[in-house]
Amino acid sequence: MDLKQAMIDDAELVRLMKAIASADGTVVFGLLNAFPALAKATLKEGAMGTATDPFLTEIKHYVYAGDTALHVAAAAHWPEVARALIGLGADVTAGNRRSATPLHYAADGIPGSPKWNPVRQSATVALLIASGADPNAVDQNGVTPLHRAVRTRCAAAASTLLDGGADALLKNGNGSTPMFLATRPTGRGGSGSPEAKAQQAEIIRLLERYGATP
């Protein structure tokens, strides 16, 4: 591939990521039909025209070098697009510059926010695991998808991860277990909302069923 073609692909990948984040199915599937290789493409440094890591406002998620369209579909909790990307050869184990996989992104959520849908989040997590994603994959900080689901107070995602083989006792790079994270303030905005607190209580019950103790 020559430099001109690489630049075109980067531009189209950025367009695809933004379309996924904004839930524009017409653009998403139009791009994938026109450029199926986008399913396997990875974002390069500065591909979005900024020296800093870009933030996709619609899904409240940063995008890093090495991210793929599947990372964004996972973060958007859009299983239909994730399935289409996987069908086109997207790598469910791909890690970005922070070693985060699509499953890490799928585990993130904001309980109580207008666009949060725990059913679709759980379906996305289940699809990724069924397609070969490692539920115990660690990022550069030793964080697994379960640590992220617990920290963001997403009980359905945590349940699906545990059912899919996530280790309820695994410590992250700081030595924190999922139960430790479940019983401590997260420092994230919205974690004190009634919905987040209800999710927190359910997560603690889930972890106890899998052998964790406070």
C-alpha atoms as a PDB file:
ATOM      1  CA  MET A   1       0.000   0.000   0.000  1.00  0.00           C
ATOM      2  CA  ASP A   2       1.414   3.410  -0.952  1.00  0.00           C
ATOM      3  CA  LEU A   3       1.364   6.500   1.283  1.00  0.00           C
ATOM      4  CA  LYS A   4      -1.573   8.073  -0.565  1.00  0.00           C
ATOM      5  CA  GLN A   5      -3.712   4.958  -0.108  1.00  0.00           C
ATOM      6  CA  ALA A   6      -2.733   4.741   3.594  1.00  0.00           C
ATOM      7  CA  MET A   7      -3.830   8.338   4.119  1.00  0.00           C
ATOM      8  CA  ILE A   8      -7.159   7.647   2.402  1.00  0.00           C
ATOM      9  CA  ASP A   9      -7.706   4.602   4.584  1.00  0.00           C
ATOM     10  CA  ASP A  10      -6.925   6.593   7.734  1.00  0.00           C
ATOM     11  CA  ALA A  11      -9.430   9.264   6.728  1.00  0.00           C
ATOM     12  CA  GLU A  12     -12.106   6.670   6.042  1.00  0.00           C
ATOM     13  CA  LEU A  13     -11.383   4.871   9.324  1.00  0.00           C
ATOM     14  CA  VAL A  14     -11.831   8.118  11.231  1.00  0.00           C
ATOM     15  CA  ARG A  15     -15.095   8.694   9.393  1.00  0.00           C
ATOM     16  CA  LEU A  16     -16.229   5.169  10.244  1.00  0.00           C
ATOM     17  CA  MET A  17     -15.373   5.597  13.925  1.00  0.00           C
ATOM     18  CA  LYS A  18     -17.277   8.862  14.125  1.00  0.00           C
ATOM     19  CA  ALA A  19     -20.285   7.306  12.376  1.00  0.00           C
ATOM     20  CA  ILE A  20     -20.298   4.412  14.836  1.00  0.00           C
ATOM     21  CA  ALA A  21     -20.092   6.804  17.785  1.00  0.00           C
ATOM     22  CA  SER A  22     -23.012   8.848  16.437  1.00  0.00           C
ATOM     23  CA  ALA A  23     -25.082   5.706  15.645  1.00  0.00           C
ATOM     24  CA  ASP A  24     -25.288   6.549  11.936  1.00  0.00           C
ATOM     25  CA  GLY A  25     -25.976   3.111  10.509  1.00  0.00           C
ATOM     26  CA  THR A  26     -26.331   4.351   6.951  1.00  0.00           C
ATOM     27  CA  VAL A  27     -22.794   5.725   6.912  1.00  0.00           C
ATOM     28  CA  VAL A  28     -21.363   2.802   8.899  1.00  0.00           C
ATOM     29  CA  PHE A  29     -22.629   0.060   6.618  1.00  0.00           C
ATOM     30  CA  GLY A  30     -22.050   2.162   3.519  1.00  0.00           C
ATOM     31  CA  LEU A  31     -18.379   2.537   4.419  1.00  0.00           C
ATOM     32  CA  LEU A  32     -17.995  -1.130   5.267  1.00  0.00           C
ATOM     33  CA  ASN A  33     -19.568  -2.119   1.951  1.00  0.00           C
ATOM     34  CA  ALA A  34     -17.274   0.253   0.065  1.00  0.00           C
ATOM     35  CA  PHE A  35     -14.122  -0.388   2.104  1.00  0.00           C
ATOM     36  CA  PRO A  36     -14.371  -3.782   3.871  1.00  0.00           C
ATOM     37  CA  ALA A  37     -10.666  -3.594   4.773  1.00  0.00           C
ATOM     38  CA  LEU A  38     -11.592  -0.868   7.289  1.00  0.00           C
ATOM     39  CA  ALA A  39     -12.704  -3.681   9.605  1.00  0.00           C
ATOM     40  CA  LYS A  40      -9.043  -4.661  10.050  1.00  0.00           C
ATOM     41  CA  ALA A  41      -7.531  -1.159  10.052  1.00  0.00           C
ATOM     42  CA  THR A  42      -5.916   0.429  13.112  1.00  0.00           C
ATOM     43  CA  LEU A  43      -5.832   4.109  14.010  1.00  0.00           C
ATOM     44  CA  LYS A  44      -2.450   5.795  13.698  1.00  0.00           C
ATOM     45  CA  GLU A  45      -1.072   8.591  15.874  1.00  0.00           C
ATOM     46  CA  GLY A  46      -2.600  11.900  14.870  1.00  0.00           C
ATOM     47  CA  ALA A  47      -5.071  10.276  12.494  1.00  0.00           C
ATOM     48  CA  MET A  48      -7.857  12.468  13.836  1.00  0.00           C
ATOM     49  CA  GLY A  49      -5.850  15.613  13.267  1.00  0.00           C
ATOM     50  CA  THR A  50      -4.891  16.248  16.868  1.00  0.00           C
ATOM     51  CA  ALA A  51      -1.783  15.662  18.938  1.00  0.00           C
ATOM     52  CA  THR A  52      -3.893  14.546  21.871  1.00  0.00           C
ATOM     53  CA  ASP A  53      -6.051  11.454  22.162  1.00  0.00           C
ATOM     54  CA  PRO A  54      -9.442  12.379  20.669  1.00  0.00           C
ATOM     55  CA  PHE A  55     -12.666  12.127  22.630  1.00  0.00           C
ATOM     56  CA  LEU A  56     -15.834  10.812  20.977  1.00  0.00           C
ATOM     57  CA  THR A  57     -18.453  12.922  22.708  1.00  0.00           C
ATOM     58  CA  GLU A  58     -21.430  10.786  21.684  1.00  0.00           C
ATOM     59  CA  ILE A  59     -20.160   7.743  23.572  1.00  0.00           C
ATOM     60  CA  LYS A  60     -18.005   9.658  26.072  1.00  0.00           C
ATOM     61  CA  HIS A  61     -14.928   7.635  25.242  1.00  0.00           C
ATOM     62  CA  TYR A  62     -11.348   8.413  24.265  1.00  0.00           C
ATOM     63  CA  VAL A  63      -9.837   6.817  21.174  1.00  0.00           C
ATOM     64  CA  TYR A  64      -6.148   5.937  21.135  1.00  0.00           C
ATOM     65  CA  ALA A  65      -3.571   4.973  18.536  1.00  0.00           C
ATOM     66  CA  GLY A  66      -4.010   1.301  17.724  1.00  0.00           C
ATOM     67  CA  ASP A  67      -7.772   1.383  18.190  1.00  0.00           C
ATOM     68  CA  THR A  68      -9.926  -0.276  15.570  1.00  0.00           C
ATOM     69  CA  ALA A  69     -13.499   0.215  14.445  1.00  0.00           C
ATOM     70  CA  LEU A  70     -14.328  -2.776  16.652  1.00  0.00           C
ATOM     71  CA  HIS A  71     -12.995  -0.909  19.679  1.00  0.00           C
ATOM     72  CA  VAL A  72     -15.437   1.914  18.953  1.00  0.00           C
ATOM     73  CA  ALA A  73     -18.371  -0.416  18.228  1.00  0.00           C
ATOM     74  CA  ALA A  74     -17.622  -2.141  21.539  1.00  0.00           C
ATOM     75  CA  ALA A  75     -17.510   1.179  23.397  1.00  0.00           C
ATOM     76  CA  ALA A  76     -20.787   2.176  21.726  1.00  0.00           C
ATOM     77  CA  HIS A  77     -22.358  -1.141  22.810  1.00  0.00           C
ATOM     78  CA  TRP A  78     -23.520  -1.754  19.240  1.00  0.00           C
ATOM     79  CA  PRO A  79     -23.467  -5.559  18.820  1.00  0.00           C
ATOM     80  CA  GLU A  80     -24.839  -5.522  15.270  1.00  0.00           C
ATOM     81  CA  VAL A  81     -21.911  -3.442  14.026  1.00  0.00           C
ATOM     82  CA  ALA A  82     -19.457  -5.452  16.125  1.00  0.00           C
ATOM     83  CA  ARG A  83     -20.780  -8.645  14.525  1.00  0.00           C
ATOM     84  CA  ALA A  84     -20.438  -7.177  11.034  1.00  0.00           C
ATOM     85  CA  LEU A  85     -16.861  -6.085  11.738  1.00  0.00           C
ATOM     86  CA  ILE A  86     -15.929  -9.502  13.105  1.00  0.00           C
ATOM     87  CA  GLY A  87     -17.457 -11.075  10.018  1.00  0.00           C
ATOM     88  CA  LEU A  88     -15.136  -8.918   7.915  1.00  0.00           C
ATOM     89  CA  GLY A  89     -12.089 -10.088   9.831  1.00  0.00           C
ATOM     90  CA  ALA A  90     -11.781  -7.639  12.742  1.00  0.00           C
ATOM     91  CA  ASP A  91      -9.400  -8.902  15.425  1.00  0.00           C
ATOM     92  CA  VAL A  92     -11.261  -9.285  18.727  1.00  0.00           C
ATOM     93  CA  THR A  93      -7.937  -9.511  20.567  1.00  0.00           C
ATOM     94  CA  ALA A  94      -6.414  -6.327  19.082  1.00  0.00           C
ATOM     95  CA  GLY A  95      -4.743  -4.096  21.661  1.00  0.00           C
ATOM     96  CA  ASN A  96      -4.260  -0.355  21.293  1.00  0.00           C
ATOM     97  CA  ARG A  97      -1.216   1.622  22.474  1.00  0.00           C
ATOM     98  CA  ARG A  98      -2.466   1.119  26.043  1.00  0.00           C
ATOM     99  CA  SER A  99      -2.987  -2.617  25.396  1.00  0.00           C
ATOM    100  CA  ALA A 100      -6.763  -2.208  25.796  1.00  0.00           C
ATOM    101  CA  THR A 101      -8.861  -4.608  23.716  1.00  0.00           C
ATOM    102  CA  PRO A 102     -12.399  -4.126  22.386  1.00  0.00           C
ATOM    103  CA  LEU A 103     -13.644  -6.120  25.391  1.00  0.00           C
ATOM    104  CA  HIS A 104     -12.108  -3.538  27.744  1.00  0.00           C
ATOM    105  CA  TYR A 105     -14.082  -0.847  25.925  1.00  0.00           C
ATOM    106  CA  ALA A 106     -17.296  -2.869  25.976  1.00  0.00           C
ATOM    107  CA  ALA A 107     -17.004  -3.180  29.749  1.00  0.00           C
ATOM    108  CA  ASP A 108     -17.169   0.596  30.221  1.00  0.00           C
ATOM    109  CA  GLY A 109     -20.500   2.281  30.815  1.00  0.00           C
ATOM    110  CA  ILE A 110     -22.260   5.116  32.591  1.00  0.00           C
ATOM    111  CA  PRO A 111     -25.264   3.792  34.554  1.00  0.00           C
ATOM    112  CA  GLY A 112     -28.198   6.171  34.523  1.00  0.00           C
ATOM    113  CA  SER A 113     -26.986   8.136  31.505  1.00  0.00           C
ATOM    114  CA  PRO A 114     -29.464   8.603  28.628  1.00  0.00           C
ATOM    115  CA  LYS A 115     -27.622   6.348  26.171  1.00  0.00           C
ATOM    116  CA  TRP A 116     -26.605   3.576  28.571  1.00  0.00           C
ATOM    117  CA  ASN A 117     -28.328   0.288  27.716  1.00  0.00           C
ATOM    118  CA  PRO A 118     -27.170  -2.597  29.914  1.00  0.00           C
ATOM    119  CA  VAL A 119     -28.861  -5.193  27.696  1.00  0.00           C
ATOM    120  CA  ARG A 120     -26.974  -4.049  24.606  1.00  0.00           C
ATOM    121  CA  GLN A 121     -23.777  -3.694  26.624  1.00  0.00           C
ATOM    122  CA  SER A 122     -24.092  -7.255  27.872  1.00  0.00           C
ATOM    123  CA  ALA A 123     -24.865  -8.511  24.352  1.00  0.00           C
ATOM    124  CA  THR A 124     -21.726  -6.816  23.050  1.00  0.00           C
ATOM    125  CA  VAL A 125     -19.601  -8.367  25.798  1.00  0.00           C
ATOM    126  CA  ALA A 126     -21.089 -11.812  25.125  1.00  0.00           C
ATOM    127  CA  LEU A 127     -20.484 -11.505  21.381  1.00  0.00           C
ATOM    128  CA  LEU A 128     -16.835 -10.567  21.844  1.00  0.00           C
ATOM    129  CA  ILE A 129     -16.175 -13.447  24.240  1.00  0.00           C
ATOM    130  CA  ALA A 130     -17.965 -15.916  21.953  1.00  0.00           C
ATOM    131  CA  SER A 131     -15.793 -14.628  19.092  1.00  0.00           C
ATOM    132  CA  GLY A 132     -12.548 -15.322  20.947  1.00  0.00           C
ATOM    133  CA  ALA A 133     -11.903 -12.311  23.183  1.00  0.00           C
ATOM    134  CA  ASP A 134     -10.030 -13.111  26.390  1.00  0.00           C
ATOM    135  CA  PRO A 135     -12.125 -12.104  29.430  1.00  0.00           C
ATOM    136  CA  ASN A 136      -8.918 -11.904  31.478  1.00  0.00           C
ATOM    137  CA  ALA A 137      -6.892  -9.804  29.026  1.00  0.00           C
ATOM    138  CA  VAL A 138      -4.881  -7.109  30.796  1.00  0.00           C
ATOM    139  CA  ASP A 139      -4.020  -3.626  29.607  1.00  0.00           C
ATOM    140  CA  GLN A 140      -0.744  -1.851  30.355  1.00  0.00           C
ATOM    141  CA  ASN A 141      -1.923  -1.203  33.917  1.00  0.00           C
ATOM    142  CA  GLY A 142      -2.864  -4.807  34.568  1.00  0.00           C
ATOM    143  CA  VAL A 143      -6.572  -3.970  34.319  1.00  0.00           C
ATOM    144  CA  THR A 144      -9.016  -6.570  32.990  1.00  0.00           C
ATOM    145  CA  PRO A 145     -12.438  -5.936  31.435  1.00  0.00           C
ATOM    146  CA  LEU A 146     -14.007  -7.058  34.733  1.00  0.00           C
ATOM    147  CA  HIS A 147     -12.077  -4.407  36.664  1.00  0.00           C
ATOM    148  CA  ARG A 148     -13.485  -1.817  34.256  1.00  0.00           C
ATOM    149  CA  ALA A 149     -17.055  -3.106  34.459  1.00  0.00           C
ATOM    150  CA  VAL A 150     -16.863  -3.034  38.252  1.00  0.00           C
ATOM    151  CA  ARG A 151     -15.299   0.419  38.376  1.00  0.00           C
ATOM    152  CA  THR A 152     -17.925   1.856  36.035  1.00  0.00           C
ATOM    153  CA  ARG A 153     -20.687   0.050  37.964  1.00  0.00           C
ATOM    154  CA  CYS A 154     -22.038  -2.047  35.080  1.00  0.00           C
ATOM    155  CA  ALA A 155     -23.544  -5.128  36.712  1.00  0.00           C
ATOM    156  CA  ALA A 156     -24.900  -6.830  33.586  1.00  0.00           C
ATOM    157  CA  ALA A 157     -21.531  -6.530  31.865  1.00  0.00           C
ATOM    158  CA  ALA A 158     -19.790  -7.857  34.980  1.00  0.00           C
ATOM    159  CA  SER A 159     -22.195 -10.797  35.103  1.00  0.00           C
ATOM    160  CA  THR A 160     -21.583 -11.656  31.448  1.00  0.00           C
ATOM    161  CA  LEU A 161     -17.829 -11.414  31.927  1.00  0.00           C
ATOM    162  CA  LEU A 162     -17.949 -13.705  34.955  1.00  0.00           C
ATOM    163  CA  ASP A 163     -20.125 -16.189  33.089  1.00  0.00           C
ATOM    164  CA  GLY A 164     -17.620 -16.023  30.240  1.00  0.00           C
ATOM    165  CA  GLY A 165     -14.635 -16.943  32.392  1.00  0.00           C
ATOM    166  CA  ALA A 166     -13.441 -13.695  33.967  1.00  0.00           C
ATOM    167  CA  ASP A 167     -11.452 -14.254  37.160  1.00  0.00           C
ATOM    168  CA  ALA A 168     -13.272 -12.633  40.082  1.00  0.00           C
ATOM    169  CA  LEU A 169     -10.122 -12.685  42.205  1.00  0.00           C
ATOM    170  CA  LEU A 170      -7.569 -11.314  39.752  1.00  0.00           C
ATOM    171  CA  LYS A 171      -5.691  -8.217  40.937  1.00  0.00           C
ATOM    172  CA  ASN A 172      -4.900  -5.257  38.716  1.00  0.00           C
ATOM    173  CA  GLY A 173      -1.512  -3.587  38.466  1.00  0.00           C
ATOM    174  CA  ASN A 174      -2.154  -1.668  41.685  1.00  0.00           C
ATOM    175  CA  GLY A 175      -3.049  -4.851  43.553  1.00  0.00           C
ATOM    176  CA  SER A 176      -6.792  -4.182  43.626  1.00  0.00           C
ATOM    177  CA  THR A 177      -9.269  -7.016  43.157  1.00  0.00           C
ATOM    178  CA  PRO A 178     -12.698  -6.502  41.575  1.00  0.00           C
ATOM    179  CA  MET A 179     -14.268  -6.718  45.044  1.00  0.00           C
ATOM    180  CA  PHE A 180     -11.952  -4.019  46.370  1.00  0.00           C
ATOM    181  CA  LEU A 181     -13.006  -1.769  43.493  1.00  0.00           C
ATOM    182  CA  ALA A 182     -16.658  -2.640  44.063  1.00  0.00           C
ATOM    183  CA  THR A 183     -16.566  -1.533  47.693  1.00  0.00           C
ATOM    184  CA  ARG A 184     -14.643   1.708  47.232  1.00  0.00           C
ATOM    185  CA  PRO A 185     -15.547   5.083  45.662  1.00  0.00           C
ATOM    186  CA  THR A 186     -14.592   5.059  41.985  1.00  0.00           C
ATOM    187  CA  GLY A 187     -13.763   8.713  41.537  1.00  0.00           C
ATOM    188  CA  ARG A 188     -15.827   8.713  38.353  1.00  0.00           C
ATOM    189  CA  GLY A 189     -18.581  11.230  37.692  1.00  0.00           C
ATOM    190  CA  GLY A 190     -22.044   9.737  38.226  1.00  0.00           C
ATOM    191  CA  SER A 191     -20.822   6.881  40.417  1.00  0.00           C
ATOM    192  CA  GLY A 192     -22.854   8.269  43.309  1.00  0.00           C
ATOM    193  CA  SER A 193     -26.143   8.276  41.410  1.00  0.00           C
ATOM    194  CA  PRO A 194     -28.995   6.027  42.617  1.00  0.00           C
ATOM    195  CA  GLU A 195     -28.619   3.820  39.534  1.00  0.00           C
ATOM    196  CA  ALA A 196     -24.871   3.439  40.040  1.00  0.00           C
ATOM    197  CA  LYS A 197     -25.384   2.551  43.705  1.00  0.00           C
ATOM    198  CA  ALA A 198     -27.948  -0.098  42.757  1.00  0.00           C
ATOM    199  CA  GLN A 199     -25.493  -1.497  40.211  1.00  0.00           C
ATOM    200  CA  GLN A 200     -22.763  -1.483  42.853  1.00  0.00           C
ATOM    201  CA  ALA A 201     -24.868  -3.585  45.222  1.00  0.00           C
ATOM    202  CA  GLU A 202     -25.629  -6.095  42.471  1.00  0.00           C
ATOM    203  CA  ILE A 203     -21.947  -6.313  41.517  1.00  0.00           C
ATOM    204  CA  ILE A 204     -20.986  -7.119  45.100  1.00  0.00           C
ATOM    205  CA  ARG A 205     -23.585  -9.906  45.165  1.00  0.00           C
ATOM    206  CA  LEU A 206     -22.247 -11.256  41.859  1.00  0.00           C
ATOM    207  CA  LEU A 207     -18.648 -11.275  43.031  1.00  0.00           C
ATOM    208  CA  GLU A 208     -19.598 -13.031  46.264  1.00  0.00           C
ATOM    209  CA  ARG A 209     -21.233 -15.791  44.210  1.00  0.00           C
ATOM    210  CA  TYR A 210     -17.922 -16.240  42.406  1.00  0.00           C
ATOM    211  CA  GLY A 211     -15.945 -16.592  45.616  1.00  0.00           C
ATOM    212  CA  ALA A 212     -14.847 -13.025  46.303  1.00  0.00           C
ATOM    213  CA  THR A 213     -15.114 -11.541  49.777  1.00  0.00           C
ATOM    214  CA  PRO A 214     -15.189  -7.876  50.858  1.00  0.00           C
END
